[in-house]
Amino acid sequence: MLAVTIKPDIYWIGVNDHTTDLFEGLWPITREGVSYNSYLFKGEKNAVIDLAKSTKLDEFIDRISEVIPVSSIDYIILNHMEPDHTGLLKVIRELAPQSEILCSAKAAPMVKNFFAISDLVRIVADGEELDLGGKLLKFFMTPFVHWPETMMTYETASKNFFTRDAFGSYDWSGGARRELDQRLEELKWEMTAFFDFAGGPTLEDYRVGGALGKKFGETILQDS
């Protein structure tokens, strides 16, 4: 599977993992696998939302290169700092040294401590917008909707909302989305297992989710 067009000039460039037995060394996923979801915006400026696990470099590069040269990435947006979202950060930054990393205030020191990257790292504020030229992204801070540094990214024209792990499950893209009616029971197990790991909703989750849901009732959810 190569890059998948979600909307014009918006692509899924994630990587499917069918070989890892334990997610983060703890959670059995041999049966269902998992996807490391990443998204590419192509415009006057090019942006990537989240990356992939460090062992999936070749496949990830192939996805991007089908659409644009990796060296032409202008922004790397980090919604979340876990290794399945950021494992390739140092390599991608080396291939696109001019790219600016956008993240939350709590994520910035993690970028420095985990990857020794401190240049061209920009902290974005809640509600801040980024104009890519034809695509307008808006950032929303969602602390402790999983980890303390997490945020979400909304594309205003297409109404696509990139919500990282908040609405995820195990399984691979093409797996979690295939023959959905026949797989509801399996998905119940996968969602339960995922939330056992990620943490069940808290009152803060409901507050943030309710506010975002009210504001973006017509939003198309894209888990990342």
Protein backbone atom coordinates (compact mmCIF):
# COMPACT_ATOMS: atom_id res chain seq x y z
CA MET A 1 0.00 0.00 0.00
CA LEU A 2 1.35 3.42 -0.95
CA ALA A 3 0.08 6.89 -0.07
CA VAL A 4 -3.72 7.10 0.21
CA THR A 5 -5.55 10.27 -0.82
CA ILE A 6 -7.97 11.40 1.90
CA LYS A 7 -8.90 14.70 0.27
CA PRO A 8 -7.19 16.63 -2.55
CA ASP A 9 -3.58 17.22 -1.44
CA ILE A 10 -4.14 15.44 1.91
CA TYR A 11 -2.64 11.95 2.13
CA TRP A 12 -2.34 9.09 4.58
CA ILE A 13 1.35 8.11 4.57
CA GLY A 14 1.31 5.78 7.56
CA VAL A 15 2.91 2.36 7.90
CA ASN A 16 1.22 -0.94 8.73
CA ASP A 17 3.04 -3.23 11.17
CA HIS A 18 2.30 -6.94 10.86
CA THR A 19 5.51 -8.18 12.51
CA THR A 20 5.56 -6.71 16.03
CA ASP A 21 4.29 -9.18 18.63
CA LEU A 22 4.13 -6.80 21.58
CA PHE A 23 3.21 -3.14 21.21
CA GLU A 24 5.80 -1.14 23.19
CA GLY A 25 7.02 -4.47 24.58
CA LEU A 26 3.85 -5.07 26.60
CA TRP A 27 0.63 -5.38 24.62
CA PRO A 28 -0.01 -8.44 22.42
CA ILE A 29 -0.87 -7.42 18.82
CA THR A 30 0.26 -10.48 16.88
CA ARG A 31 -3.28 -11.20 15.67
CA GLU A 32 -4.41 -7.74 14.60
CA GLY A 33 -1.22 -5.76 13.99
CA VAL A 34 -1.17 -1.98 14.23
CA SER A 35 -0.86 1.11 12.03
CA TYR A 36 1.45 4.05 12.66
CA ASN A 37 -0.74 6.76 11.17
CA SER A 38 0.88 9.77 9.56
CA TYR A 39 -0.53 12.42 7.24
CA LEU A 40 0.93 14.66 4.53
CA PHE A 41 -0.38 18.04 3.36
CA LYS A 42 0.83 19.17 -0.04
CA GLY A 43 0.63 22.87 -0.86
CA GLU A 44 2.73 25.99 -1.19
CA LYS A 45 4.19 24.67 2.03
CA ASN A 46 4.28 20.94 2.82
CA ALA A 47 3.52 19.55 6.26
CA VAL A 48 3.56 16.13 7.90
CA ILE A 49 1.48 15.27 10.96
CA ASP A 50 3.19 12.65 13.14
CA LEU A 51 5.67 10.08 11.84
CA ALA A 52 6.18 6.36 12.50
CA LYS A 53 8.15 3.80 14.45
CA SER A 54 11.91 3.92 13.91
CA THR A 55 12.04 0.45 12.32
CA LYS A 56 9.72 1.50 9.46
CA LEU A 57 11.98 4.03 7.72
CA ASP A 58 12.06 2.59 4.20
CA GLU A 59 8.29 2.17 3.92
CA PHE A 60 7.66 5.61 5.37
CA ILE A 61 10.09 7.28 2.96
CA ASP A 62 8.43 5.45 0.05
CA ARG A 63 5.01 6.81 1.07
CA ILE A 64 6.22 10.41 1.20
CA SER A 65 8.31 10.15 -1.96
CA GLU A 66 5.29 9.05 -3.95
CA VAL A 67 3.81 12.52 -3.35
CA ILE A 68 6.73 14.93 -2.74
CA PRO A 69 10.50 14.74 -2.20
CA VAL A 70 11.21 14.20 1.49
CA SER A 71 13.60 17.14 1.35
CA SER A 72 10.68 19.48 0.54
CA ILE A 73 8.91 19.01 3.88
CA ASP A 74 8.48 22.45 5.48
CA TYR A 75 6.75 21.50 8.74
CA ILE A 76 6.76 18.45 11.01
CA ILE A 77 3.75 18.62 13.32
CA LEU A 78 3.97 16.49 16.45
CA ASN A 79 0.57 15.85 17.98
CA HIS A 80 2.03 13.30 20.39
CA MET A 81 5.50 12.24 21.52
CA GLU A 82 5.28 8.47 21.91
CA PRO A 83 7.81 6.49 19.81
CA ASP A 84 5.22 5.19 17.33
CA HIS A 85 4.53 8.86 16.45
CA THR A 86 8.08 10.25 16.61
CA GLY A 87 10.54 7.38 16.10
CA LEU A 88 11.68 8.71 12.71
CA LEU A 89 11.96 12.36 13.74
CA LYS A 90 15.75 12.62 13.71
CA VAL A 91 16.08 10.93 10.31
CA ILE A 92 13.34 12.99 8.65
CA ARG A 93 14.83 16.17 10.08
CA GLU A 94 18.23 15.23 8.63
CA LEU A 95 16.63 14.67 5.22
CA ALA A 96 14.70 17.95 5.45
CA PRO A 97 16.98 20.15 7.59
CA GLN A 98 14.98 23.30 6.85
CA SER A 99 11.78 21.82 8.26
CA GLU A 100 10.28 23.44 11.34
CA ILE A 101 8.98 21.23 14.12
CA LEU A 102 5.66 22.40 15.59
CA CYS A 103 4.52 21.03 18.95
CA SER A 104 2.99 21.91 22.31
CA ALA A 105 4.88 23.62 25.12
CA LYS A 106 5.23 20.35 27.01
CA ALA A 107 6.43 18.49 23.92
CA ALA A 108 9.30 20.89 23.11
CA PRO A 109 11.59 19.76 25.97
CA MET A 110 10.82 16.14 25.03
CA VAL A 111 12.02 16.83 21.48
CA LYS A 112 15.26 18.21 22.93
CA ASN A 113 15.76 15.44 25.50
CA PHE A 114 14.71 12.50 23.33
CA PHE A 115 16.27 13.57 20.02
CA ALA A 116 18.80 16.32 20.86
CA ILE A 117 16.91 18.72 18.57
CA SER A 118 16.44 22.30 19.72
CA ASP A 119 16.78 24.37 16.53
CA LEU A 120 13.73 25.24 14.45
CA VAL A 121 11.36 23.93 17.11
CA ARG A 122 8.29 26.14 17.50
CA ILE A 123 5.74 25.93 20.30
CA VAL A 124 2.19 26.50 19.08
CA ALA A 125 -0.63 27.83 21.22
CA ASP A 126 -4.18 26.59 21.61
CA GLY A 127 -6.18 27.92 18.67
CA GLU A 128 -3.10 29.00 16.69
CA GLU A 129 -3.34 28.65 12.91
CA LEU A 130 -0.82 27.69 10.22
CA ASP A 131 -1.42 28.71 6.61
CA LEU A 132 0.15 26.27 4.15
CA GLY A 133 -1.19 28.12 1.12
CA GLY A 134 -4.46 26.46 0.20
CA LYS A 135 -4.66 24.58 3.51
CA LEU A 136 -5.24 26.17 6.90
CA LEU A 137 -4.39 24.14 9.99
CA LYS A 138 -5.58 24.96 13.49
CA PHE A 139 -4.08 23.48 16.67
CA PHE A 140 -5.90 22.50 19.84
CA MET A 141 -4.18 21.58 23.08
CA THR A 142 -5.61 18.41 24.67
CA PRO A 143 -3.40 17.78 27.73
CA PHE A 144 -3.90 14.45 29.49
CA VAL A 145 -6.20 13.18 26.80
CA HIS A 146 -3.64 10.39 26.90
CA TRP A 147 -0.29 12.16 27.61
CA PRO A 148 0.32 15.64 29.10
CA GLU A 149 1.82 17.08 25.88
CA THR A 150 -0.86 15.96 23.43
CA MET A 151 -2.59 18.21 20.92
CA MET A 152 -4.83 17.80 17.87
CA THR A 153 -4.76 19.40 14.42
CA TYR A 154 -7.80 20.52 12.40
CA GLU A 155 -7.82 21.32 8.66
CA THR A 156 -10.49 23.94 8.19
CA ALA A 157 -11.41 23.52 4.50
CA SER A 158 -11.87 19.75 4.41
CA LYS A 159 -13.00 19.56 8.07
CA ASN A 160 -10.55 16.76 8.79
CA PHE A 161 -9.57 16.46 12.44
CA PHE A 162 -6.30 14.66 13.20
CA THR A 163 -6.71 13.37 16.72
CA ARG A 164 -3.68 11.04 17.19
CA ASP A 165 -4.57 8.25 19.70
CA ALA A 166 -7.80 9.72 21.06
CA PHE A 167 -10.14 7.66 18.84
CA GLY A 168 -7.81 4.83 17.91
CA SER A 169 -7.68 1.08 18.23
CA TYR A 170 -5.20 -1.62 17.41
CA ASP A 171 -5.33 -3.19 13.94
CA TRP A 172 -3.85 -1.95 10.69
CA SER A 173 -5.30 0.48 8.19
CA GLY A 174 -7.22 -1.66 5.75
CA GLY A 175 -7.80 -3.97 8.67
CA ALA A 176 -9.69 -1.83 11.15
CA ARG A 177 -11.58 -0.33 8.19
CA ARG A 178 -12.30 -3.51 6.22
CA GLU A 179 -15.68 -5.25 6.38
CA LEU A 180 -16.63 -3.22 9.42
CA ASP A 181 -20.04 -4.78 9.92
CA GLN A 182 -18.48 -8.24 10.14
CA ARG A 183 -15.80 -7.15 12.58
CA LEU A 184 -17.71 -5.28 15.28
CA GLU A 185 -17.06 -7.90 17.93
CA GLU A 186 -13.35 -7.95 17.12
CA LEU A 187 -13.23 -4.17 17.17
CA LYS A 188 -14.86 -4.12 20.61
CA TRP A 189 -11.98 -6.22 21.89
CA GLU A 190 -9.39 -4.07 20.13
CA MET A 191 -10.89 -0.81 21.40
CA THR A 192 -11.06 -2.22 24.94
CA ALA A 193 -7.44 -3.34 24.78
CA PHE A 194 -6.37 0.01 23.39
CA PHE A 195 -8.10 2.00 26.11
CA ASP A 196 -6.74 -0.33 28.78
CA PHE A 197 -3.32 0.78 27.56
CA ALA A 198 -4.00 4.42 26.68
CA GLY A 199 -6.14 5.03 29.74
CA GLY A 200 -9.90 5.30 29.97
CA PRO A 201 -11.63 8.66 29.58
CA THR A 202 -11.37 11.04 32.54
CA LEU A 203 -13.57 13.99 33.41
CA GLU A 204 -11.01 16.20 31.65
CA ASP A 205 -11.24 13.98 28.54
CA TYR A 206 -15.00 14.40 28.48
CA ARG A 207 -14.71 18.16 29.03
CA VAL A 208 -12.19 18.65 26.22
CA GLY A 209 -13.91 16.17 23.92
CA GLY A 210 -17.30 17.73 24.51
CA ALA A 211 -16.04 21.21 23.78
CA LEU A 212 -14.29 20.13 20.60
CA GLY A 213 -17.24 18.01 19.51
CA LYS A 214 -19.64 20.89 19.96
CA LYS A 215 -17.42 23.22 17.96
CA PHE A 216 -16.67 20.74 15.19
CA GLY A 217 -19.83 18.67 14.99
CA GLU A 218 -19.38 18.11 11.28
CA THR A 219 -15.71 17.25 11.51
CA ILE A 220 -14.46 14.11 9.80
CA LEU A 221 -12.37 12.20 12.31
CA GLN A 222 -8.99 10.90 11.21
CA ASP A 223 -7.20 8.96 13.95
CA SER A 224 -3.45 9.39 14.06
